[in-house]
Amino acid sequence: MNTRRRLTGVVISNSMEKTVIVEVTRTYQHRLYKKVVNSRKRYMTHDELGCQIGDHVRIVESQPISRRKRWIVEEILRRDIGAGVPEFEDTVAENVEAEV
């Protein structure tokens, strides 16, 4: 195994070609106040696997691919079942049935 950093996160955007935005959430305790803090960071990631919004993925460091891309999707850990299906179709069908 190599020494590249690996992070796990959720795909929040896939509107670009071969690029997804992955949000990595981290929970830690504040050093002074001892409060639990949630932080999140977004990474532009190169995607050859065809990720959808909501997928849980593992990303790995790489050499710079473009100006802002320095990560690659290594593996899709869990697919989101409802990914890629517009939610408004159900509400439109219900409204049409209500009018008839």
N, C-alpha and C. Protein backbone atom coordinates (compact mmCIF):
# COMPACT_ATOMS: atom_id res chain seq x y z
N MET A 1 0.86 -1.18 0.00
CA MET A 1 0.00 0.00 0.00
C MET A 1 0.89 1.23 0.00
N ASN A 2 0.49 2.24 -0.72
CA ASN A 2 1.30 3.45 -0.78
C ASN A 2 0.92 4.42 0.32
N THR A 3 1.62 5.55 0.39
CA THR A 3 1.43 6.50 1.50
C THR A 3 0.48 7.64 1.15
N ARG A 4 -0.28 7.51 0.09
CA ARG A 4 -1.22 8.57 -0.27
C ARG A 4 -2.36 8.64 0.75
N ARG A 5 -2.81 9.87 1.01
CA ARG A 5 -3.94 10.04 1.93
C ARG A 5 -5.22 9.57 1.25
N ARG A 6 -6.09 8.96 2.05
CA ARG A 6 -7.39 8.51 1.57
C ARG A 6 -8.45 9.07 2.50
N LEU A 7 -9.51 9.63 1.91
CA LEU A 7 -10.61 10.20 2.68
C LEU A 7 -11.92 9.59 2.18
N THR A 8 -12.91 9.59 3.05
CA THR A 8 -14.24 9.08 2.70
C THR A 8 -15.23 10.22 2.79
N GLY A 9 -16.09 10.34 1.78
CA GLY A 9 -17.06 11.42 1.77
C GLY A 9 -18.26 11.10 0.90
N VAL A 10 -19.10 12.11 0.71
CA VAL A 10 -20.35 11.97 -0.04
C VAL A 10 -20.30 12.90 -1.24
N VAL A 11 -20.72 12.39 -2.40
CA VAL A 11 -20.78 13.20 -3.62
C VAL A 11 -21.95 14.18 -3.50
N ILE A 12 -21.66 15.48 -3.64
CA ILE A 12 -22.73 16.47 -3.54
C ILE A 12 -23.02 17.15 -4.87
N SER A 13 -22.13 16.98 -5.86
CA SER A 13 -22.37 17.56 -7.18
C SER A 13 -21.66 16.74 -8.24
N ASN A 14 -22.34 16.52 -9.36
CA ASN A 14 -21.73 15.82 -10.49
C ASN A 14 -22.08 16.51 -11.80
N SER A 15 -22.23 17.83 -11.78
CA SER A 15 -22.69 18.55 -12.96
C SER A 15 -21.59 18.79 -13.99
N MET A 16 -20.33 18.49 -13.65
CA MET A 16 -19.23 18.68 -14.58
C MET A 16 -18.87 17.34 -15.23
N GLU A 17 -18.12 17.38 -16.32
CA GLU A 17 -17.69 16.16 -16.98
C GLU A 17 -16.46 15.61 -16.28
N LYS A 18 -16.53 14.36 -15.86
CA LYS A 18 -15.43 13.65 -15.20
C LYS A 18 -14.94 14.34 -13.93
N THR A 19 -15.77 15.15 -13.31
CA THR A 19 -15.42 15.80 -12.06
C THR A 19 -16.63 15.76 -11.13
N VAL A 20 -16.41 15.40 -9.88
CA VAL A 20 -17.45 15.45 -8.86
C VAL A 20 -16.91 16.23 -7.67
N ILE A 21 -17.83 16.80 -6.90
CA ILE A 21 -17.44 17.47 -5.67
C ILE A 21 -17.83 16.55 -4.52
N VAL A 22 -16.83 16.21 -3.70
CA VAL A 22 -17.02 15.30 -2.58
C VAL A 22 -16.88 16.09 -1.29
N GLU A 23 -17.87 15.92 -0.40
CA GLU A 23 -17.84 16.60 0.89
C GLU A 23 -17.41 15.60 1.96
N VAL A 24 -16.31 15.94 2.66
CA VAL A 24 -15.77 15.10 3.72
C VAL A 24 -16.09 15.76 5.05
N THR A 25 -16.75 15.01 5.94
CA THR A 25 -17.14 15.53 7.25
C THR A 25 -16.22 14.96 8.32
N ARG A 26 -15.82 15.82 9.25
CA ARG A 26 -14.91 15.41 10.31
C ARG A 26 -15.47 15.90 11.64
N THR A 27 -15.46 15.05 12.65
CA THR A 27 -15.93 15.40 13.99
C THR A 27 -14.76 15.35 14.95
N TYR A 28 -14.60 16.40 15.74
CA TYR A 28 -13.51 16.44 16.71
C TYR A 28 -13.93 17.27 17.91
N GLN A 29 -13.16 17.16 18.98
CA GLN A 29 -13.45 17.91 20.20
C GLN A 29 -12.57 19.15 20.24
N HIS A 30 -13.17 20.30 20.53
CA HIS A 30 -12.44 21.55 20.61
C HIS A 30 -11.43 21.48 21.75
N ARG A 31 -10.22 21.95 21.51
CA ARG A 31 -9.16 21.81 22.51
C ARG A 31 -9.44 22.58 23.80
N LEU A 32 -9.96 23.80 23.69
CA LEU A 32 -10.18 24.63 24.87
C LEU A 32 -11.55 24.42 25.49
N TYR A 33 -12.60 24.46 24.67
CA TYR A 33 -13.96 24.43 25.19
C TYR A 33 -14.55 23.04 25.31
N LYS A 34 -13.87 22.03 24.78
CA LYS A 34 -14.29 20.63 24.89
C LYS A 34 -15.64 20.35 24.24
N LYS A 35 -16.06 21.19 23.35
CA LYS A 35 -17.32 20.99 22.65
C LYS A 35 -17.05 20.16 21.39
N VAL A 36 -17.99 19.30 21.02
CA VAL A 36 -17.85 18.52 19.81
C VAL A 36 -18.16 19.42 18.61
N VAL A 37 -17.24 19.45 17.67
CA VAL A 37 -17.35 20.33 16.51
C VAL A 37 -17.40 19.47 15.25
N ASN A 38 -18.32 19.80 14.36
CA ASN A 38 -18.39 19.15 13.06
C ASN A 38 -17.83 20.10 12.02
N SER A 39 -16.86 19.65 11.25
CA SER A 39 -16.34 20.47 10.17
C SER A 39 -16.49 19.70 8.87
N ARG A 40 -16.60 20.41 7.78
CA ARG A 40 -16.74 19.76 6.49
C ARG A 40 -15.87 20.50 5.48
N LYS A 41 -15.37 19.75 4.54
CA LYS A 41 -14.54 20.33 3.49
C LYS A 41 -14.92 19.69 2.18
N ARG A 42 -14.87 20.47 1.11
CA ARG A 42 -15.27 20.00 -0.21
C ARG A 42 -14.05 19.88 -1.10
N TYR A 43 -13.96 18.77 -1.80
CA TYR A 43 -12.84 18.51 -2.69
C TYR A 43 -13.36 18.30 -4.10
N MET A 44 -12.72 18.96 -5.09
CA MET A 44 -13.00 18.67 -6.49
C MET A 44 -12.21 17.42 -6.83
N THR A 45 -12.89 16.42 -7.37
CA THR A 45 -12.31 15.10 -7.52
C THR A 45 -12.52 14.59 -8.94
N HIS A 46 -11.49 13.97 -9.50
CA HIS A 46 -11.59 13.36 -10.83
C HIS A 46 -12.37 12.06 -10.73
N ASP A 47 -13.34 11.88 -11.62
CA ASP A 47 -14.25 10.73 -11.54
C ASP A 47 -14.28 9.98 -12.86
N GLU A 48 -13.75 8.76 -12.88
CA GLU A 48 -13.84 7.88 -14.05
C GLU A 48 -14.90 6.81 -13.85
N LEU A 49 -15.46 6.70 -12.63
CA LEU A 49 -16.39 5.62 -12.29
C LEU A 49 -17.85 5.96 -12.53
N GLY A 50 -18.18 7.23 -12.75
CA GLY A 50 -19.58 7.62 -12.98
C GLY A 50 -20.38 7.74 -11.71
N CYS A 51 -19.90 8.52 -10.75
CA CYS A 51 -20.59 8.69 -9.47
C CYS A 51 -21.84 9.53 -9.63
N GLN A 52 -22.82 9.26 -8.78
CA GLN A 52 -24.06 10.03 -8.74
C GLN A 52 -24.13 10.78 -7.42
N ILE A 53 -25.01 11.76 -7.35
CA ILE A 53 -25.19 12.54 -6.12
C ILE A 53 -25.68 11.62 -5.02
N GLY A 54 -25.06 11.71 -3.85
CA GLY A 54 -25.45 10.90 -2.70
C GLY A 54 -24.60 9.67 -2.51
N ASP A 55 -23.75 9.32 -3.47
CA ASP A 55 -22.89 8.15 -3.33
C ASP A 55 -21.82 8.40 -2.27
N HIS A 56 -21.51 7.37 -1.50
CA HIS A 56 -20.40 7.43 -0.55
C HIS A 56 -19.18 6.88 -1.26
N VAL A 57 -18.10 7.67 -1.31
CA VAL A 57 -16.92 7.30 -2.08
C VAL A 57 -15.65 7.45 -1.24
N ARG A 58 -14.60 6.74 -1.68
CA ARG A 58 -13.27 6.92 -1.09
C ARG A 58 -12.44 7.64 -2.14
N ILE A 59 -11.79 8.75 -1.73
CA ILE A 59 -10.95 9.51 -2.64
C ILE A 59 -9.50 9.39 -2.19
N VAL A 60 -8.59 9.53 -3.15
CA VAL A 60 -7.17 9.36 -2.87
C VAL A 60 -6.40 10.52 -3.51
N GLU A 61 -5.33 10.95 -2.83
CA GLU A 61 -4.49 12.01 -3.36
C GLU A 61 -3.85 11.60 -4.68
N SER A 62 -3.58 12.58 -5.53
CA SER A 62 -2.90 12.30 -6.79
C SER A 62 -2.07 13.52 -7.18
N GLN A 63 -1.37 13.38 -8.27
CA GLN A 63 -0.67 14.54 -8.80
C GLN A 63 -1.72 15.52 -9.34
N PRO A 64 -1.38 16.81 -9.47
CA PRO A 64 -2.37 17.76 -9.97
C PRO A 64 -2.89 17.40 -11.35
N ILE A 65 -4.23 17.35 -11.47
CA ILE A 65 -4.87 17.03 -12.74
C ILE A 65 -5.26 18.31 -13.46
N SER A 66 -5.73 19.29 -12.70
CA SER A 66 -6.04 20.61 -13.24
C SER A 66 -5.76 21.62 -12.12
N ARG A 67 -6.23 22.83 -12.31
CA ARG A 67 -5.91 23.88 -11.34
C ARG A 67 -6.42 23.57 -9.94
N ARG A 68 -7.60 22.96 -9.83
CA ARG A 68 -8.19 22.70 -8.51
C ARG A 68 -8.37 21.23 -8.19
N LYS A 69 -8.07 20.33 -9.12
CA LYS A 69 -8.28 18.90 -8.89
C LYS A 69 -6.96 18.23 -8.51
N ARG A 70 -6.92 17.68 -7.27
CA ARG A 70 -5.76 16.95 -6.79
C ARG A 70 -6.17 15.62 -6.16
N TRP A 71 -7.40 15.19 -6.40
CA TRP A 71 -7.93 13.96 -5.82
C TRP A 71 -8.61 13.14 -6.91
N ILE A 72 -8.64 11.81 -6.73
CA ILE A 72 -9.28 10.90 -7.67
C ILE A 72 -10.23 9.99 -6.88
N VAL A 73 -11.40 9.71 -7.46
CA VAL A 73 -12.31 8.74 -6.84
C VAL A 73 -11.69 7.36 -6.99
N GLU A 74 -11.39 6.72 -5.87
CA GLU A 74 -10.78 5.40 -5.89
C GLU A 74 -11.82 4.30 -5.94
N GLU A 75 -12.91 4.48 -5.17
CA GLU A 75 -13.89 3.41 -5.04
C GLU A 75 -15.23 3.99 -4.61
N ILE A 76 -16.30 3.42 -5.13
CA ILE A 76 -17.64 3.78 -4.67
C ILE A 76 -18.00 2.79 -3.57
N LEU A 77 -18.14 3.29 -2.34
CA LEU A 77 -18.40 2.42 -1.21
C LEU A 77 -19.87 2.03 -1.12
N ARG A 78 -20.76 2.99 -1.37
CA ARG A 78 -22.20 2.72 -1.29
C ARG A 78 -22.92 3.66 -2.24
N ARG A 79 -23.76 3.09 -3.07
CA ARG A 79 -24.55 3.89 -4.01
C ARG A 79 -25.82 4.38 -3.34
N ASP A 80 -26.25 5.59 -3.71
CA ASP A 80 -27.52 6.12 -3.24
C ASP A 80 -28.61 5.56 -4.15
N ILE A 81 -29.63 4.97 -3.58
CA ILE A 81 -30.66 4.27 -4.36
C ILE A 81 -31.45 5.25 -5.23
N GLY A 82 -31.78 6.41 -4.71
CA GLY A 82 -32.61 7.36 -5.46
C GLY A 82 -31.80 8.35 -6.27
N ALA A 83 -30.55 8.08 -6.53
CA ALA A 83 -29.70 9.04 -7.23
C ALA A 83 -30.13 9.18 -8.68
N GLY A 84 -30.14 10.42 -9.14
CA GLY A 84 -30.43 10.68 -10.54
C GLY A 84 -31.90 10.70 -10.90
N VAL A 85 -32.80 10.46 -9.97
CA VAL A 85 -34.23 10.46 -10.26
C VAL A 85 -34.82 11.78 -9.77
N PRO A 86 -35.38 12.58 -10.67
CA PRO A 86 -35.97 13.85 -10.24
C PRO A 86 -37.15 13.62 -9.29
N GLU A 87 -37.20 14.42 -8.25
CA GLU A 87 -38.25 14.27 -7.24
C GLU A 87 -39.57 14.92 -7.65
N PHE A 88 -39.52 15.86 -8.58
CA PHE A 88 -40.72 16.61 -8.92
C PHE A 88 -41.69 15.81 -9.76
N GLU A 89 -41.29 14.71 -10.37
CA GLU A 89 -42.20 13.93 -11.21
C GLU A 89 -43.36 13.35 -10.39
N ASP A 90 -43.09 12.92 -9.17
CA ASP A 90 -44.14 12.36 -8.32
C ASP A 90 -45.17 13.43 -7.96
N THR A 91 -44.71 14.63 -7.64
CA THR A 91 -45.65 15.68 -7.25
C THR A 91 -46.48 16.14 -8.45
N VAL A 92 -45.89 16.14 -9.66
CA VAL A 92 -46.64 16.52 -10.85
C VAL A 92 -47.73 15.49 -11.12
N ALA A 93 -47.43 14.21 -10.97
CA ALA A 93 -48.42 13.16 -11.19
C ALA A 93 -49.57 13.25 -10.18
N GLU A 94 -49.23 13.58 -8.93
CA GLU A 94 -50.28 13.72 -7.91
C GLU A 94 -51.18 14.91 -8.22
N ASN A 95 -50.60 16.02 -8.71
CA ASN A 95 -51.40 17.20 -9.03
C ASN A 95 -52.32 16.93 -10.21
N VAL A 96 -51.86 16.17 -11.20
CA VAL A 96 -52.70 15.85 -12.35
C VAL A 96 -53.87 14.98 -11.92
N GLU A 97 -53.63 13.99 -11.05
CA GLU A 97 -54.70 13.14 -10.57
C GLU A 97 -55.71 13.92 -9.74
N ALA A 98 -55.24 14.92 -8.99
CA ALA A 98 -56.13 15.71 -8.15
C ALA A 98 -57.06 16.59 -9.00
N GLU A 99 -56.56 17.06 -10.15
CA GLU A 99 -57.37 17.92 -11.01
C GLU A 99 -58.46 17.14 -11.75
N VAL A 100 -58.22 15.88 -12.01
CA VAL A 100 -59.18 15.08 -12.79
C VAL A 100 -60.33 14.64 -11.98
